[in-house]
Amino acid sequence: MRIMFALLFTVLLSGCINITTELQPSNTDVKGVLMGEDCTPIVLGMGLGTNTIEGAKKDGRPMGDVGEFRRHIKLNDRTPIDRIRTLQITNFYILLIGSSCIQVVGEPVSSQ
């Protein structure tokens, strides 16, 4: 009975959180065509790993209308992000598991 009470108490008191923090002002000259993430899992409040901007820049996935950048984006692969529009940290927890991610939004390399 005590174990059930302890488990129920833990589940009821653990909540959820979703916080996004921008690390620099948005560069409005750069379009938000790609988004890349580098994440670290967190289990029972413990996490181990390093999130890097370079890792997030290598993980560019199309978001929204890619417009003029269509010829620079690889459809079945990740496209590296060259110019950064937004750089942010996102922390997400639900019950006892979650993740901490660095997100980069920007443009691919363009040959103009």
PDB file of N, CA and C in Angstrom:
ATOM      1  N   MET A   1       0.825  -1.185   0.000  1.00  0.00           N
ATOM      2  CA  MET A   1       0.000   0.000   0.000  1.00  0.00           C
ATOM      3  C   MET A   1       0.877   1.259   0.000  1.00  0.00           C
ATOM      4  N   ARG A   2       1.964   1.244   0.760  1.00  0.00           N
ATOM      5  CA  ARG A   2       2.844   2.411   0.815  1.00  0.00           C
ATOM      6  C   ARG A   2       3.535   2.653  -0.528  1.00  0.00           C
ATOM      7  N   ILE A   3       3.887   1.555  -1.209  1.00  0.00           N
ATOM      8  CA  ILE A   3       4.534   1.689  -2.511  1.00  0.00           C
ATOM      9  C   ILE A   3       3.557   2.305  -3.518  1.00  0.00           C
ATOM     10  N   MET A   4       2.306   1.877  -3.494  1.00  0.00           N
ATOM     11  CA  MET A   4       1.288   2.449  -4.390  1.00  0.00           C
ATOM     12  C   MET A   4       1.096   3.934  -4.097  1.00  0.00           C
ATOM     13  N   PHE A   5       1.062   4.296  -2.803  1.00  0.00           N
ATOM     14  CA  PHE A   5       0.901   5.692  -2.417  1.00  0.00           C
ATOM     15  C   PHE A   5       2.103   6.522  -2.880  1.00  0.00           C
ATOM     16  N   ALA A   6       3.291   6.006  -2.723  1.00  0.00           N
ATOM     17  CA  ALA A   6       4.500   6.717  -3.149  1.00  0.00           C
ATOM     18  C   ALA A   6       4.513   6.901  -4.666  1.00  0.00           C
ATOM     19  N   LEU A   7       4.140   5.877  -5.416  1.00  0.00           N
ATOM     20  CA  LEU A   7       4.099   5.964  -6.863  1.00  0.00           C
ATOM     21  C   LEU A   7       3.038   6.976  -7.320  1.00  0.00           C
ATOM     22  N   LEU A   8       1.859   6.901  -6.733  1.00  0.00           N
ATOM     23  CA  LEU A   8       0.783   7.835  -7.062  1.00  0.00           C
ATOM     24  C   LEU A   8       1.186   9.267  -6.713  1.00  0.00           C
ATOM     25  N   PHE A   9       1.813   9.451  -5.579  1.00  0.00           N
ATOM     26  CA  PHE A   9       2.285  10.766  -5.133  1.00  0.00           C
ATOM     27  C   PHE A   9       3.304  11.340  -6.119  1.00  0.00           C
ATOM     28  N   THR A  10       4.218  10.503  -6.576  1.00  0.00           N
ATOM     29  CA  THR A  10       5.244  10.936  -7.535  1.00  0.00           C
ATOM     30  C   THR A  10       4.626  11.336  -8.860  1.00  0.00           C
ATOM     31  N   VAL A  11       3.715  10.543  -9.369  1.00  0.00           N
ATOM     32  CA  VAL A  11       3.078  10.834 -10.659  1.00  0.00           C
ATOM     33  C   VAL A  11       2.219  12.090 -10.574  1.00  0.00           C
ATOM     34  N   LEU A  12       1.493  12.267  -9.482  1.00  0.00           N
ATOM     35  CA  LEU A  12       0.636  13.442  -9.350  1.00  0.00           C
ATOM     36  C   LEU A  12       1.428  14.733  -9.175  1.00  0.00           C
ATOM     37  N   LEU A  13       2.556  14.679  -8.511  1.00  0.00           N
ATOM     38  CA  LEU A  13       3.337  15.891  -8.286  1.00  0.00           C
ATOM     39  C   LEU A  13       4.254  16.247  -9.444  1.00  0.00           C
ATOM     40  N   SER A  14       4.569  15.273 -10.268  1.00  0.00           N
ATOM     41  CA  SER A  14       5.396  15.593 -11.427  1.00  0.00           C
ATOM     42  C   SER A  14       4.489  16.175 -12.500  1.00  0.00           C
ATOM     43  N   GLY A  15       4.860  17.310 -13.020  1.00  0.00           N
ATOM     44  CA  GLY A  15       4.030  17.989 -14.005  1.00  0.00           C
ATOM     45  C   GLY A  15       4.669  17.957 -15.365  1.00  0.00           C
ATOM     46  N   CYS A  16       4.316  18.927 -16.157  1.00  0.00           N
ATOM     47  CA  CYS A  16       4.936  19.051 -17.474  1.00  0.00           C
ATOM     48  C   CYS A  16       5.403  20.484 -17.659  1.00  0.00           C
ATOM     49  N   ILE A  17       6.383  20.635 -18.504  1.00  0.00           N
ATOM     50  CA  ILE A  17       6.954  21.949 -18.760  1.00  0.00           C
ATOM     51  C   ILE A  17       7.411  21.992 -20.212  1.00  0.00           C
ATOM     52  N   ASN A  18       7.221  23.129 -20.841  1.00  0.00           N
ATOM     53  CA  ASN A  18       7.691  23.349 -22.205  1.00  0.00           C
ATOM     54  C   ASN A  18       8.157  24.796 -22.281  1.00  0.00           C
ATOM     55  N   ILE A  19       9.452  25.012 -22.218  1.00  0.00           N
ATOM     56  CA  ILE A  19      10.031  26.351 -22.196  1.00  0.00           C
ATOM     57  C   ILE A  19      10.961  26.516 -23.389  1.00  0.00           C
ATOM     58  N   THR A  20      10.804  27.627 -24.115  1.00  0.00           N
ATOM     59  CA  THR A  20      11.694  27.963 -25.219  1.00  0.00           C
ATOM     60  C   THR A  20      12.330  29.307 -24.921  1.00  0.00           C
ATOM     61  N   THR A  21      13.656  29.359 -25.012  1.00  0.00           N
ATOM     62  CA  THR A  21      14.399  30.585 -24.736  1.00  0.00           C
ATOM     63  C   THR A  21      15.231  30.958 -25.953  1.00  0.00           C
ATOM     64  N   GLU A  22      14.992  32.158 -26.488  1.00  0.00           N
ATOM     65  CA  GLU A  22      15.798  32.631 -27.608  1.00  0.00           C
ATOM     66  C   GLU A  22      17.128  33.146 -27.071  1.00  0.00           C
ATOM     67  N   LEU A  23      18.227  32.727 -27.701  1.00  0.00           N
ATOM     68  CA  LEU A  23      19.558  33.102 -27.236  1.00  0.00           C
ATOM     69  C   LEU A  23      20.076  34.380 -27.871  1.00  0.00           C
ATOM     70  N   GLN A  24      19.468  34.782 -28.974  1.00  0.00           N
ATOM     71  CA  GLN A  24      19.868  36.020 -29.636  1.00  0.00           C
ATOM     72  C   GLN A  24      18.648  36.569 -30.358  1.00  0.00           C
ATOM     73  N   PRO A  25      18.632  37.870 -30.651  1.00  0.00           N
ATOM     74  CA  PRO A  25      17.496  38.414 -31.408  1.00  0.00           C
ATOM     75  C   PRO A  25      17.428  37.786 -32.801  1.00  0.00           C
ATOM     76  N   SER A  26      16.224  37.670 -33.337  1.00  0.00           N
ATOM     77  CA  SER A  26      16.042  37.101 -34.670  1.00  0.00           C
ATOM     78  C   SER A  26      16.644  38.019 -35.725  1.00  0.00           C
ATOM     79  N   ASN A  27      17.309  37.412 -36.699  1.00  0.00           N
ATOM     80  CA  ASN A  27      17.867  38.138 -37.837  1.00  0.00           C
ATOM     81  C   ASN A  27      16.817  38.106 -38.942  1.00  0.00           C
ATOM     82  N   THR A  28      16.077  39.184 -39.119  1.00  0.00           N
ATOM     83  CA  THR A  28      14.971  39.208 -40.073  1.00  0.00           C
ATOM     84  C   THR A  28      15.437  39.215 -41.521  1.00  0.00           C
ATOM     85  N   ASP A  29      16.723  39.421 -41.774  1.00  0.00           N
ATOM     86  CA  ASP A  29      17.256  39.351 -43.140  1.00  0.00           C
ATOM     87  C   ASP A  29      17.385  37.909 -43.627  1.00  0.00           C
ATOM     88  N   VAL A  30      17.337  36.953 -42.709  1.00  0.00           N
ATOM     89  CA  VAL A  30      17.466  35.526 -43.033  1.00  0.00           C
ATOM     90  C   VAL A  30      16.081  34.897 -42.962  1.00  0.00           C
ATOM     91  N   LYS A  31      15.732  34.097 -43.963  1.00  0.00           N
ATOM     92  CA  LYS A  31      14.427  33.435 -43.994  1.00  0.00           C
ATOM     93  C   LYS A  31      14.463  32.148 -43.182  1.00  0.00           C
ATOM     94  N   GLY A  32      13.351  31.826 -42.551  1.00  0.00           N
ATOM     95  CA  GLY A  32      13.228  30.590 -41.774  1.00  0.00           C
ATOM     96  C   GLY A  32      12.795  29.441 -42.661  1.00  0.00           C
ATOM     97  N   VAL A  33      13.722  28.883 -43.427  1.00  0.00           N
ATOM     98  CA  VAL A  33      13.424  27.822 -44.381  1.00  0.00           C
ATOM     99  C   VAL A  33      13.690  26.448 -43.781  1.00  0.00           C
ATOM    100  N   LEU A  34      14.759  26.322 -42.991  1.00  0.00           N
ATOM    101  CA  LEU A  34      15.159  25.047 -42.391  1.00  0.00           C
ATOM    102  C   LEU A  34      15.180  25.166 -40.874  1.00  0.00           C
ATOM    103  N   MET A  35      14.896  24.043 -40.204  1.00  0.00           N
ATOM    104  CA  MET A  35      15.044  23.984 -38.751  1.00  0.00           C
ATOM    105  C   MET A  35      15.861  22.750 -38.401  1.00  0.00           C
ATOM    106  N   GLY A  36      16.891  22.935 -37.593  1.00  0.00           N
ATOM    107  CA  GLY A  36      17.704  21.825 -37.130  1.00  0.00           C
ATOM    108  C   GLY A  36      17.727  21.776 -35.616  1.00  0.00           C
ATOM    109  N   GLU A  37      17.850  20.577 -35.067  1.00  0.00           N
ATOM    110  CA  GLU A  37      17.867  20.389 -33.612  1.00  0.00           C
ATOM    111  C   GLU A  37      18.999  19.462 -33.213  1.00  0.00           C
ATOM    112  N   ASP A  38      19.521  19.692 -32.027  1.00  0.00           N
ATOM    113  CA  ASP A  38      20.458  18.772 -31.385  1.00  0.00           C
ATOM    114  C   ASP A  38      19.928  18.594 -29.970  1.00  0.00           C
ATOM    115  N   CYS A  39      19.501  17.378 -29.621  1.00  0.00           N
ATOM    116  CA  CYS A  39      18.781  17.134 -28.364  1.00  0.00           C
ATOM    117  C   CYS A  39      19.493  16.142 -27.454  1.00  0.00           C
ATOM    118  N   THR A  40      19.201  16.268 -26.164  1.00  0.00           N
ATOM    119  CA  THR A  40      19.679  15.352 -25.144  1.00  0.00           C
ATOM    120  C   THR A  40      18.468  14.864 -24.346  1.00  0.00           C
ATOM    121  N   PRO A  41      18.281  13.547 -24.199  1.00  0.00           N
ATOM    122  CA  PRO A  41      17.152  13.054 -23.405  1.00  0.00           C
ATOM    123  C   PRO A  41      17.392  13.258 -21.909  1.00  0.00           C
ATOM    124  N   ILE A  42      16.286  13.421 -21.187  1.00  0.00           N
ATOM    125  CA  ILE A  42      16.336  13.559 -19.733  1.00  0.00           C
ATOM    126  C   ILE A  42      15.343  12.563 -19.146  1.00  0.00           C
ATOM    127  N   VAL A  43      15.830  11.671 -18.282  1.00  0.00           N
ATOM    128  CA  VAL A  43      14.999  10.654 -17.654  1.00  0.00           C
ATOM    129  C   VAL A  43      15.157  10.765 -16.144  1.00  0.00           C
ATOM    130  N   LEU A  44      14.032  10.853 -15.438  1.00  0.00           N
ATOM    131  CA  LEU A  44      14.018  10.994 -13.981  1.00  0.00           C
ATOM    132  C   LEU A  44      14.858  12.182 -13.515  1.00  0.00           C
ATOM    133  N   GLY A  45      14.831  13.261 -14.296  1.00  0.00           N
ATOM    134  CA  GLY A  45      15.557  14.471 -13.927  1.00  0.00           C
ATOM    135  C   GLY A  45      17.047  14.425 -14.207  1.00  0.00           C
ATOM    136  N   MET A  46      17.527  13.349 -14.818  1.00  0.00           N
ATOM    137  CA  MET A  46      18.951  13.228 -15.106  1.00  0.00           C
ATOM    138  C   MET A  46      19.167  13.142 -16.605  1.00  0.00           C
ATOM    139  N   GLY A  47      20.160  13.878 -17.085  1.00  0.00           N
ATOM    140  CA  GLY A  47      20.497  13.839 -18.497  1.00  0.00           C
ATOM    141  C   GLY A  47      22.002  13.897 -18.653  1.00  0.00           C
ATOM    142  N   LEU A  48      22.462  13.386 -19.748  1.00  0.00           N
ATOM    143  CA  LEU A  48      23.888  13.392 -20.010  1.00  0.00           C
ATOM    144  C   LEU A  48      24.092  13.595 -21.497  1.00  0.00           C
ATOM    145  N   GLY A  49      24.890  14.591 -21.850  1.00  0.00           N
ATOM    146  CA  GLY A  49      25.150  14.852 -23.251  1.00  0.00           C
ATOM    147  C   GLY A  49      25.464  16.310 -23.477  1.00  0.00           C
ATOM    148  N   THR A  50      25.806  16.627 -24.702  1.00  0.00           N
ATOM    149  CA  THR A  50      26.132  17.997 -25.077  1.00  0.00           C
ATOM    150  C   THR A  50      25.365  18.349 -26.342  1.00  0.00           C
ATOM    151  N   ASN A  51      24.645  19.438 -26.305  1.00  0.00           N
ATOM    152  CA  ASN A  51      23.949  19.949 -27.478  1.00  0.00           C
ATOM    153  C   ASN A  51      24.802  21.066 -28.067  1.00  0.00           C
ATOM    154  N   THR A  52      25.066  21.002 -29.371  1.00  0.00           N
ATOM    155  CA  THR A  52      25.897  22.021 -30.001  1.00  0.00           C
ATOM    156  C   THR A  52      25.158  22.707 -31.145  1.00  0.00           C
ATOM    157  N   ILE A  53      25.527  23.938 -31.405  1.00  0.00           N
ATOM    158  CA  ILE A  53      24.958  24.682 -32.522  1.00  0.00           C
ATOM    159  C   ILE A  53      25.366  24.013 -33.828  1.00  0.00           C
ATOM    160  N   GLU A  54      26.611  23.564 -33.916  1.00  0.00           N
ATOM    161  CA  GLU A  54      27.081  22.896 -35.131  1.00  0.00           C
ATOM    162  C   GLU A  54      26.275  21.628 -35.418  1.00  0.00           C
ATOM    163  N   GLY A  55      25.960  20.866 -34.376  1.00  0.00           N
ATOM    164  CA  GLY A  55      25.141  19.663 -34.552  1.00  0.00           C
ATOM    165  C   GLY A  55      23.745  20.004 -35.045  1.00  0.00           C
ATOM    166  N   ALA A  56      23.174  21.081 -34.524  1.00  0.00           N
ATOM    167  CA  ALA A  56      21.838  21.507 -34.958  1.00  0.00           C
ATOM    168  C   ALA A  56      21.868  22.036 -36.383  1.00  0.00           C
ATOM    169  N   LYS A  57      22.939  22.740 -36.761  1.00  0.00           N
ATOM    170  CA  LYS A  57      23.049  23.275 -38.121  1.00  0.00           C
ATOM    171  C   LYS A  57      23.156  22.164 -39.159  1.00  0.00           C
ATOM    172  N   LYS A  58      23.715  21.019 -38.808  1.00  0.00           N
ATOM    173  CA  LYS A  58      23.850  19.896 -39.740  1.00  0.00           C
ATOM    174  C   LYS A  58      22.522  19.161 -39.954  1.00  0.00           C
ATOM    175  N   ASP A  59      21.542  19.383 -39.075  1.00  0.00           N
ATOM    176  CA  ASP A  59      20.279  18.641 -39.064  1.00  0.00           C
ATOM    177  C   ASP A  59      19.127  19.427 -39.698  1.00  0.00           C
ATOM    178  N   GLY A  60      19.394  20.267 -40.691  1.00  0.00           N
ATOM    179  CA  GLY A  60      18.354  21.116 -41.264  1.00  0.00           C
ATOM    180  C   GLY A  60      17.275  20.349 -42.008  1.00  0.00           C
ATOM    181  N   ARG A  61      16.037  20.541 -41.582  1.00  0.00           N
ATOM    182  CA  ARG A  61      14.869  19.946 -42.234  1.00  0.00           C
ATOM    183  C   ARG A  61      13.951  21.062 -42.715  1.00  0.00           C
ATOM    184  N   PRO A  62      13.338  20.917 -43.898  1.00  0.00           N
ATOM    185  CA  PRO A  62      12.469  21.975 -44.415  1.00  0.00           C
ATOM    186  C   PRO A  62      11.303  22.253 -43.475  1.00  0.00           C
ATOM    187  N   MET A  63      10.984  23.528 -43.351  1.00  0.00           N
ATOM    188  CA  MET A  63       9.795  23.932 -42.592  1.00  0.00           C
ATOM    189  C   MET A  63       9.064  24.999 -43.392  1.00  0.00           C
ATOM    190  N   GLY A  64       7.815  24.793 -43.632  1.00  0.00           N
ATOM    191  CA  GLY A  64       7.041  25.760 -44.401  1.00  0.00           C
ATOM    192  C   GLY A  64       7.416  25.776 -45.878  1.00  0.00           C
ATOM    193  N   ASP A  65       7.202  26.923 -46.505  1.00  0.00           N
ATOM    194  CA  ASP A  65       7.468  27.099 -47.931  1.00  0.00           C
ATOM    195  C   ASP A  65       8.950  27.387 -48.143  1.00  0.00           C
ATOM    196  N   VAL A  66       9.630  26.528 -48.891  1.00  0.00           N
ATOM    197  CA  VAL A  66      11.065  26.702 -49.115  1.00  0.00           C
ATOM    198  C   VAL A  66      11.350  27.657 -50.267  1.00  0.00           C
ATOM    199  N   GLY A  67      10.351  27.944 -51.099  1.00  0.00           N
ATOM    200  CA  GLY A  67      10.446  28.962 -52.135  1.00  0.00           C
ATOM    201  C   GLY A  67      11.702  28.873 -52.993  1.00  0.00           C
ATOM    202  N   GLU A  68      12.455  29.971 -53.038  1.00  0.00           N
ATOM    203  CA  GLU A  68      13.641  30.075 -53.892  1.00  0.00           C
ATOM    204  C   GLU A  68      14.764  29.133 -53.489  1.00  0.00           C
ATOM    205  N   PHE A  69      14.705  28.540 -52.303  1.00  0.00           N
ATOM    206  CA  PHE A  69      15.762  27.650 -51.822  1.00  0.00           C
ATOM    207  C   PHE A  69      15.527  26.194 -52.217  1.00  0.00           C
ATOM    208  N   ARG A  70      14.465  25.926 -52.961  1.00  0.00           N
ATOM    209  CA  ARG A  70      14.080  24.552 -53.319  1.00  0.00           C
ATOM    210  C   ARG A  70      15.234  23.771 -53.955  1.00  0.00           C
ATOM    211  N   ARG A  71      16.022  24.400 -54.807  1.00  0.00           N
ATOM    212  CA  ARG A  71      17.112  23.678 -55.491  1.00  0.00           C
ATOM    213  C   ARG A  71      18.303  23.394 -54.575  1.00  0.00           C
ATOM    214  N   HIS A  72      18.372  24.029 -53.400  1.00  0.00           N
ATOM    215  CA  HIS A  72      19.479  23.818 -52.471  1.00  0.00           C
ATOM    216  C   HIS A  72      19.160  22.785 -51.392  1.00  0.00           C
ATOM    217  N   ILE A  73      17.889  22.395 -51.287  1.00  0.00           N
ATOM    218  CA  ILE A  73      17.457  21.506 -50.205  1.00  0.00           C
ATOM    219  C   ILE A  73      17.385  20.069 -50.699  1.00  0.00           C
ATOM    220  N   LYS A  74      18.031  19.163 -49.966  1.00  0.00           N
ATOM    221  CA  LYS A  74      17.994  17.734 -50.262  1.00  0.00           C
ATOM    222  C   LYS A  74      16.718  17.163 -49.652  1.00  0.00           C
ATOM    223  N   LEU A  75      15.896  16.525 -50.471  1.00  0.00           N
ATOM    224  CA  LEU A  75      14.593  16.074 -49.985  1.00  0.00           C
ATOM    225  C   LEU A  75      14.674  14.880 -49.052  1.00  0.00           C
ATOM    226  N   ASN A  76      15.563  13.928 -49.282  1.00  0.00           N
ATOM    227  CA  ASN A  76      15.625  12.714 -48.478  1.00  0.00           C
ATOM    228  C   ASN A  76      16.770  12.716 -47.477  1.00  0.00           C
ATOM    229  N   ASP A  77      17.367  13.850 -47.267  1.00  0.00           N
ATOM    230  CA  ASP A  77      18.525  13.937 -46.390  1.00  0.00           C
ATOM    231  C   ASP A  77      18.444  15.254 -45.621  1.00  0.00           C
ATOM    232  N   ARG A  78      19.353  15.460 -44.722  1.00  0.00           N
ATOM    233  CA  ARG A  78      19.415  16.714 -43.990  1.00  0.00           C
ATOM    234  C   ARG A  78      20.215  17.731 -44.800  1.00  0.00           C
ATOM    235  N   THR A  79      19.797  18.980 -44.769  1.00  0.00           N
ATOM    236  CA  THR A  79      20.483  20.055 -45.473  1.00  0.00           C
ATOM    237  C   THR A  79      21.134  20.965 -44.437  1.00  0.00           C
ATOM    238  N   PRO A  80      22.432  21.180 -44.515  1.00  0.00           N
ATOM    239  CA  PRO A  80      23.093  22.055 -43.521  1.00  0.00           C
ATOM    240  C   PRO A  80      22.567  23.490 -43.585  1.00  0.00           C
ATOM    241  N   ILE A  81      22.454  24.091 -42.426  1.00  0.00           N
ATOM    242  CA  ILE A  81      22.029  25.484 -42.314  1.00  0.00           C
ATOM    243  C   ILE A  81      23.283  26.352 -42.326  1.00  0.00           C
ATOM    244  N   ASP A  82      23.276  27.368 -43.190  1.00  0.00           N
ATOM    245  CA  ASP A  82      24.429  28.256 -43.327  1.00  0.00           C
ATOM    246  C   ASP A  82      24.221  29.571 -42.580  1.00  0.00           C
ATOM    247  N   ARG A  83      23.084  30.203 -42.810  1.00  0.00           N
ATOM    248  CA  ARG A  83      22.793  31.485 -42.171  1.00  0.00           C
ATOM    249  C   ARG A  83      21.706  31.286 -41.119  1.00  0.00           C
ATOM    250  N   ILE A  84      21.913  31.819 -39.928  1.00  0.00           N
ATOM    251  CA  ILE A  84      21.000  31.606 -38.800  1.00  0.00           C
ATOM    252  C   ILE A  84      20.033  32.773 -38.649  1.00  0.00           C
ATOM    253  N   ARG A  85      18.742  32.446 -38.574  1.00  0.00           N
ATOM    254  CA  ARG A  85      17.709  33.443 -38.277  1.00  0.00           C
ATOM    255  C   ARG A  85      17.444  33.484 -36.777  1.00  0.00           C
ATOM    256  N   THR A  86      17.201  32.307 -36.202  1.00  0.00           N
ATOM    257  CA  THR A  86      16.862  32.209 -34.785  1.00  0.00           C
ATOM    258  C   THR A  86      17.654  31.077 -34.143  1.00  0.00           C
ATOM    259  N   LEU A  87      18.125  31.321 -32.939  1.00  0.00           N
ATOM    260  CA  LEU A  87      18.850  30.328 -32.148  1.00  0.00           C
ATOM    261  C   LEU A  87      18.147  30.255 -30.799  1.00  0.00           C
ATOM    262  N   GLN A  88      17.681  29.058 -30.420  1.00  0.00           N
ATOM    263  CA  GLN A  88      16.920  28.947 -29.172  1.00  0.00           C
ATOM    264  C   GLN A  88      17.146  27.605 -28.488  1.00  0.00           C
ATOM    265  N   ILE A  89      16.875  27.601 -27.193  1.00  0.00           N
ATOM    266  CA  ILE A  89      16.936  26.377 -26.389  1.00  0.00           C
ATOM    267  C   ILE A  89      15.507  26.018 -26.001  1.00  0.00           C
ATOM    268  N   THR A  90      15.160  24.739 -26.169  1.00  0.00           N
ATOM    269  CA  THR A  90      13.826  24.257 -25.821  1.00  0.00           C
ATOM    270  C   THR A  90      13.962  23.136 -24.798  1.00  0.00           C
ATOM    271  N   ASN A  91      13.255  23.277 -23.678  1.00  0.00           N
ATOM    272  CA  ASN A  91      13.207  22.234 -22.647  1.00  0.00           C
ATOM    273  C   ASN A  91      11.783  21.732 -22.547  1.00  0.00           C
ATOM    274  N   PHE A  92      11.626  20.426 -22.632  1.00  0.00           N
ATOM    275  CA  PHE A  92      10.308  19.811 -22.581  1.00  0.00           C
ATOM    276  C   PHE A  92      10.347  18.640 -21.610  1.00  0.00           C
ATOM    277  N   TYR A  93       9.416  18.623 -20.661  1.00  0.00           N
ATOM    278  CA  TYR A  93       9.294  17.526 -19.698  1.00  0.00           C
ATOM    279  C   TYR A  93       7.826  17.179 -19.560  1.00  0.00           C
ATOM    280  N   ILE A  94       7.546  15.890 -19.508  1.00  0.00           N
ATOM    281  CA  ILE A  94       6.209  15.416 -19.181  1.00  0.00           C
ATOM    282  C   ILE A  94       6.380  14.232 -18.236  1.00  0.00           C
ATOM    283  N   LEU A  95       5.757  14.334 -17.113  1.00  0.00           N
ATOM    284  CA  LEU A  95       5.920  13.381 -16.017  1.00  0.00           C
ATOM    285  C   LEU A  95       7.402  13.268 -15.656  1.00  0.00           C
ATOM    286  N   LEU A  96       8.053  12.172 -15.907  1.00  0.00           N
ATOM    287  CA  LEU A  96       9.433  12.005 -15.457  1.00  0.00           C
ATOM    288  C   LEU A  96      10.444  11.908 -16.590  1.00  0.00           C
ATOM    289  N   ILE A  97      10.016  12.176 -17.817  1.00  0.00           N
ATOM    290  CA  ILE A  97      10.941  12.127 -18.956  1.00  0.00           C
ATOM    291  C   ILE A  97      10.844  13.425 -19.751  1.00  0.00           C
ATOM    292  N   GLY A  98      11.886  13.718 -20.529  1.00  0.00           N
ATOM    293  CA  GLY A  98      11.860  14.927 -21.335  1.00  0.00           C
ATOM    294  C   GLY A  98      13.099  15.054 -22.179  1.00  0.00           C
ATOM    295  N   SER A  99      13.309  16.269 -22.677  1.00  0.00           N
ATOM    296  CA  SER A  99      14.476  16.519 -23.506  1.00  0.00           C
ATOM    297  C   SER A  99      14.860  17.987 -23.410  1.00  0.00           C
ATOM    298  N   SER A 100      16.128  18.230 -23.689  1.00  0.00           N
ATOM    299  CA  SER A 100      16.653  19.582 -23.787  1.00  0.00           C
ATOM    300  C   SER A 100      17.287  19.684 -25.167  1.00  0.00           C
ATOM    301  N   CYS A 101      16.856  20.677 -25.958  1.00  0.00           N
ATOM    302  CA  CYS A 101      17.304  20.787 -27.348  1.00  0.00           C
ATOM    303  C   CYS A 101      17.785  22.200 -27.648  1.00  0.00           C
ATOM    304  N   ILE A 102      18.739  22.293 -28.554  1.00  0.00           N
ATOM    305  CA  ILE A 102      19.100  23.571 -29.136  1.00  0.00           C
ATOM    306  C   ILE A 102      18.547  23.547 -30.551  1.00  0.00           C
ATOM    307  N   GLN A 103      17.814  24.596 -30.919  1.00  0.00           N
ATOM    308  CA  GLN A 103      17.185  24.667 -32.234  1.00  0.00           C
ATOM    309  C   GLN A 103      17.770  25.834 -33.012  1.00  0.00           C
ATOM    310  N   VAL A 104      18.046  25.582 -34.288  1.00  0.00           N
ATOM    311  CA  VAL A 104      18.549  26.603 -35.195  1.00  0.00           C
ATOM    312  C   VAL A 104      17.577  26.696 -36.363  1.00  0.00           C
ATOM    313  N   VAL A 105      17.133  27.909 -36.669  1.00  0.00           N
ATOM    314  CA  VAL A 105      16.271  28.150 -37.823  1.00  0.00           C
ATOM    315  C   VAL A 105      17.024  29.071 -38.757  1.00  0.00           C
ATOM    316  N   GLY A 106      17.054  28.733 -40.056  1.00  0.00           N
ATOM    317  CA  GLY A 106      17.776  29.572 -40.988  1.00  0.00           C
ATOM    318  C   GLY A 106      17.673  29.119 -42.422  1.00  0.00           C
ATOM    319  N   GLU A 107      18.691  29.490 -43.199  1.00  0.00           N
ATOM    320  CA  GLU A 107      18.741  29.218 -44.635  1.00  0.00           C
ATOM    321  C   GLU A 107      19.881  28.269 -44.972  1.00  0.00           C
ATOM    322  N   PRO A 108      19.740  27.519 -46.083  1.00  0.00           N
ATOM    323  CA  PRO A 108      20.854  26.697 -46.557  1.00  0.00           C
ATOM    324  C   PRO A 108      21.882  27.565 -47.279  1.00  0.00           C
ATOM    325  N   VAL A 109      22.983  26.960 -47.641  1.00  0.00           N
ATOM    326  CA  VAL A 109      24.016  27.636 -48.429  1.00  0.00           C
ATOM    327  C   VAL A 109      23.408  27.967 -49.787  1.00  0.00           C
ATOM    328  N   SER A 110      23.524  29.199 -50.219  1.00  0.00           N
ATOM    329  CA  SER A 110      23.032  29.567 -51.545  1.00  0.00           C
ATOM    330  C   SER A 110      24.192  30.045 -52.406  1.00  0.00           C
ATOM    331  N   SER A 111      24.158  29.688 -53.659  1.00  0.00           N
ATOM    332  CA  SER A 111      25.234  30.062 -54.568  1.00  0.00           C
ATOM    333  C   SER A 111      24.809  31.224 -55.442  1.00  0.00           C
ATOM    334  N   GLN A 112      24.577  32.373 -54.829  1.00  0.00           N
ATOM    335  CA  GLN A 112      24.137  33.551 -55.568  1.00  0.00           C
ATOM    336  C   GLN A 112      25.268  34.523 -55.727  1.00  0.00           C
TER     337      GLN A 112
END
